[in-house]
Amino acid sequence: MAAEEIAAEYPNLTLAQVYAAMPYYHANRPEMDADVAAEQAESDGIEQEHLSQQRRGGVNVRLWFVPRPPRTGQVLT
């Protein structure tokens, strides 16, 4: 991907910032690629766990239960 394409895809980065980052990436490419691969593997694992829970119907009920605040004048016991 060209620097211009990266800058267009990430509008919060200037073209100068993209060009400044490129020497670091190329000097550390094996470590950078390993980090990206590890993050992708972790993301894939989380996705698979989520899909597995959905298939088993194991959605955590606590995620759906939001307690309501007491009504005015209501006494909590």
N, C-alpha and C. Protein backbone atom coordinates (compact mmCIF):
# COMPACT_ATOMS: atom_id res chain seq x y z
N MET A 1 0.85 -1.16 0.00
CA MET A 1 0.00 0.00 0.00
C MET A 1 0.90 1.23 0.00
N ALA A 2 0.58 2.16 -0.85
CA ALA A 2 1.36 3.40 -0.97
C ALA A 2 1.05 4.34 0.19
N ALA A 3 2.01 5.21 0.49
CA ALA A 3 1.85 6.16 1.59
C ALA A 3 0.60 7.02 1.40
N GLU A 4 0.33 7.41 0.19
CA GLU A 4 -0.84 8.23 -0.09
C GLU A 4 -2.13 7.47 0.23
N GLU A 5 -2.16 6.18 -0.09
CA GLU A 5 -3.33 5.36 0.21
C GLU A 5 -3.53 5.20 1.71
N ILE A 6 -2.42 5.02 2.43
CA ILE A 6 -2.51 4.89 3.89
C ILE A 6 -3.05 6.18 4.49
N ALA A 7 -2.53 7.31 4.06
CA ALA A 7 -2.99 8.61 4.57
C ALA A 7 -4.46 8.84 4.23
N ALA A 8 -4.90 8.37 3.06
CA ALA A 8 -6.31 8.52 2.69
C ALA A 8 -7.20 7.61 3.53
N GLU A 9 -6.70 6.43 3.88
CA GLU A 9 -7.48 5.49 4.67
C GLU A 9 -7.55 5.90 6.14
N TYR A 10 -6.53 6.58 6.62
CA TYR A 10 -6.47 7.03 8.01
C TYR A 10 -6.36 8.56 8.02
N PRO A 11 -7.50 9.25 7.93
CA PRO A 11 -7.47 10.71 7.80
C PRO A 11 -6.88 11.44 9.02
N ASN A 12 -6.74 10.74 10.14
CA ASN A 12 -6.13 11.39 11.30
C ASN A 12 -4.61 11.46 11.18
N LEU A 13 -4.03 10.79 10.17
CA LEU A 13 -2.60 10.85 9.92
C LEU A 13 -2.32 11.75 8.72
N THR A 14 -1.25 12.53 8.83
CA THR A 14 -0.83 13.32 7.68
C THR A 14 0.08 12.46 6.81
N LEU A 15 0.27 12.88 5.60
CA LEU A 15 1.16 12.17 4.69
C LEU A 15 2.58 12.17 5.26
N ALA A 16 2.97 13.26 5.88
CA ALA A 16 4.31 13.35 6.50
C ALA A 16 4.46 12.32 7.62
N GLN A 17 3.41 12.11 8.41
CA GLN A 17 3.46 11.13 9.49
C GLN A 17 3.60 9.71 8.93
N VAL A 18 2.90 9.44 7.84
CA VAL A 18 2.99 8.12 7.22
C VAL A 18 4.41 7.89 6.71
N TYR A 19 4.97 8.88 6.01
CA TYR A 19 6.34 8.73 5.52
C TYR A 19 7.33 8.60 6.67
N ALA A 20 7.10 9.27 7.78
CA ALA A 20 7.99 9.17 8.93
C ALA A 20 7.95 7.79 9.57
N ALA A 21 6.80 7.13 9.53
CA ALA A 21 6.65 5.80 10.13
C ALA A 21 7.23 4.68 9.27
N MET A 22 7.32 4.90 7.98
CA MET A 22 7.77 3.84 7.08
C MET A 22 9.18 3.33 7.37
N PRO A 23 10.18 4.18 7.62
CA PRO A 23 11.51 3.63 7.94
C PRO A 23 11.50 2.75 9.19
N TYR A 24 10.71 3.14 10.20
CA TYR A 24 10.63 2.32 11.41
C TYR A 24 10.03 0.96 11.09
N TYR A 25 8.96 0.96 10.31
CA TYR A 25 8.33 -0.31 9.94
C TYR A 25 9.32 -1.21 9.20
N HIS A 26 10.01 -0.66 8.22
CA HIS A 26 10.92 -1.48 7.43
C HIS A 26 12.12 -1.95 8.24
N ALA A 27 12.57 -1.15 9.20
CA ALA A 27 13.69 -1.55 10.05
C ALA A 27 13.29 -2.62 11.05
N ASN A 28 12.00 -2.70 11.38
CA ASN A 28 11.50 -3.63 12.39
C ASN A 28 10.41 -4.55 11.85
N ARG A 29 10.45 -4.81 10.58
CA ARG A 29 9.37 -5.53 9.92
C ARG A 29 9.05 -6.90 10.53
N PRO A 30 10.02 -7.74 10.84
CA PRO A 30 9.66 -9.05 11.40
C PRO A 30 8.87 -8.93 12.71
N GLU A 31 9.32 -8.04 13.60
CA GLU A 31 8.60 -7.86 14.86
C GLU A 31 7.21 -7.25 14.64
N MET A 32 7.13 -6.29 13.75
CA MET A 32 5.84 -5.65 13.47
C MET A 32 4.86 -6.67 12.89
N ASP A 33 5.33 -7.47 11.94
CA ASP A 33 4.46 -8.49 11.33
C ASP A 33 4.04 -9.54 12.36
N ALA A 34 4.96 -9.91 13.26
CA ALA A 34 4.62 -10.88 14.31
C ALA A 34 3.57 -10.30 15.25
N ASP A 35 3.69 -9.03 15.60
CA ASP A 35 2.69 -8.39 16.47
C ASP A 35 1.32 -8.36 15.81
N VAL A 36 1.29 -8.01 14.54
CA VAL A 36 0.01 -7.97 13.81
C VAL A 36 -0.60 -9.37 13.74
N ALA A 37 0.24 -10.39 13.48
CA ALA A 37 -0.26 -11.76 13.41
C ALA A 37 -0.80 -12.23 14.77
N ALA A 38 -0.11 -11.86 15.85
CA ALA A 38 -0.57 -12.25 17.19
C ALA A 38 -1.89 -11.57 17.53
N GLU A 39 -2.03 -10.30 17.19
CA GLU A 39 -3.30 -9.60 17.43
C GLU A 39 -4.43 -10.20 16.61
N GLN A 40 -4.15 -10.58 15.38
CA GLN A 40 -5.17 -11.20 14.53
C GLN A 40 -5.59 -12.55 15.09
N ALA A 41 -4.61 -13.34 15.56
CA ALA A 41 -4.92 -14.65 16.14
C ALA A 41 -5.77 -14.50 17.39
N GLU A 42 -5.45 -13.52 18.22
CA GLU A 42 -6.25 -13.27 19.42
C GLU A 42 -7.67 -12.85 19.05
N SER A 43 -7.79 -11.98 18.07
CA SER A 43 -9.10 -11.54 17.60
C SER A 43 -9.91 -12.71 17.05
N ASP A 44 -9.26 -13.56 16.28
CA ASP A 44 -9.95 -14.74 15.73
C ASP A 44 -10.43 -15.67 16.85
N GLY A 45 -9.60 -15.84 17.87
CA GLY A 45 -9.98 -16.69 19.00
C GLY A 45 -11.18 -16.15 19.75
N ILE A 46 -11.20 -14.86 19.97
CA ILE A 46 -12.33 -14.22 20.66
C ILE A 46 -13.60 -14.38 19.82
N GLU A 47 -13.47 -14.18 18.51
CA GLU A 47 -14.63 -14.33 17.63
C GLU A 47 -15.16 -15.76 17.66
N GLN A 48 -14.27 -16.75 17.60
CA GLN A 48 -14.70 -18.14 17.63
C GLN A 48 -15.37 -18.49 18.95
N GLU A 49 -14.83 -17.98 20.05
CA GLU A 49 -15.44 -18.23 21.36
C GLU A 49 -16.84 -17.63 21.42
N HIS A 50 -17.00 -16.43 20.90
CA HIS A 50 -18.30 -15.77 20.87
C HIS A 50 -19.30 -16.58 20.03
N LEU A 51 -18.87 -17.00 18.85
CA LEU A 51 -19.77 -17.77 17.98
C LEU A 51 -20.13 -19.11 18.61
N SER A 52 -19.18 -19.73 19.29
CA SER A 52 -19.44 -21.00 19.96
C SER A 52 -20.47 -20.82 21.07
N GLN A 53 -20.35 -19.75 21.83
CA GLN A 53 -21.32 -19.49 22.90
C GLN A 53 -22.71 -19.23 22.33
N GLN A 54 -22.77 -18.53 21.21
CA GLN A 54 -24.07 -18.27 20.58
C GLN A 54 -24.72 -19.57 20.12
N ARG A 55 -23.93 -20.46 19.54
CA ARG A 55 -24.47 -21.74 19.06
C ARG A 55 -24.99 -22.59 20.20
N ARG A 56 -24.33 -22.51 21.36
CA ARG A 56 -24.76 -23.30 22.52
C ARG A 56 -25.86 -22.59 23.30
N GLY A 57 -26.21 -21.39 22.90
CA GLY A 57 -27.23 -20.64 23.63
C GLY A 57 -26.69 -20.11 24.95
N GLY A 58 -25.39 -19.97 25.03
CA GLY A 58 -24.76 -19.56 26.28
C GLY A 58 -24.55 -18.08 26.43
N VAL A 59 -25.43 -17.29 25.89
CA VAL A 59 -25.30 -15.85 26.06
C VAL A 59 -25.51 -15.54 27.53
N ASN A 60 -24.63 -14.81 28.10
CA ASN A 60 -24.68 -14.50 29.52
C ASN A 60 -25.90 -13.62 29.81
N VAL A 61 -26.80 -14.12 30.63
CA VAL A 61 -28.04 -13.41 30.94
C VAL A 61 -27.75 -12.07 31.60
N ARG A 62 -26.67 -12.00 32.36
CA ARG A 62 -26.35 -10.74 33.03
C ARG A 62 -26.15 -9.61 32.04
N LEU A 63 -25.80 -9.92 30.81
CA LEU A 63 -25.64 -8.87 29.82
C LEU A 63 -26.98 -8.24 29.44
N TRP A 64 -28.04 -8.99 29.59
CA TRP A 64 -29.36 -8.51 29.19
C TRP A 64 -30.12 -7.86 30.33
N PHE A 65 -29.73 -8.14 31.57
CA PHE A 65 -30.46 -7.64 32.73
C PHE A 65 -29.86 -6.33 33.19
N VAL A 66 -30.64 -5.28 33.08
CA VAL A 66 -30.22 -3.97 33.58
C VAL A 66 -31.22 -3.57 34.64
N PRO A 67 -30.78 -3.50 35.92
CA PRO A 67 -31.74 -3.17 36.97
C PRO A 67 -32.29 -1.75 36.79
N ARG A 68 -33.56 -1.62 37.06
CA ARG A 68 -34.20 -0.31 36.97
C ARG A 68 -34.04 0.41 38.30
N PRO A 69 -33.91 1.72 38.25
CA PRO A 69 -33.87 2.46 39.51
C PRO A 69 -35.24 2.41 40.17
N PRO A 70 -35.28 2.51 41.50
CA PRO A 70 -36.58 2.47 42.17
C PRO A 70 -37.44 3.67 41.78
N ARG A 71 -38.73 3.46 41.76
CA ARG A 71 -39.66 4.56 41.47
C ARG A 71 -39.70 5.50 42.66
N THR A 72 -40.06 6.70 42.39
CA THR A 72 -40.15 7.68 43.48
C THR A 72 -41.11 7.20 44.55
N GLY A 73 -40.64 7.21 45.79
CA GLY A 73 -41.47 6.78 46.91
C GLY A 73 -41.40 5.29 47.18
N GLN A 74 -40.75 4.53 46.30
CA GLN A 74 -40.68 3.08 46.49
C GLN A 74 -39.57 2.78 47.49
N VAL A 75 -39.83 1.87 48.38
CA VAL A 75 -38.87 1.48 49.40
C VAL A 75 -38.16 0.21 48.96
N LEU A 76 -36.84 0.24 49.00
CA LEU A 76 -36.06 -0.95 48.65
C LEU A 76 -35.99 -1.87 49.84
N THR A 77 -36.11 -3.16 49.59
CA THR A 77 -35.98 -4.13 50.69
C THR A 77 -34.81 -5.01 50.47
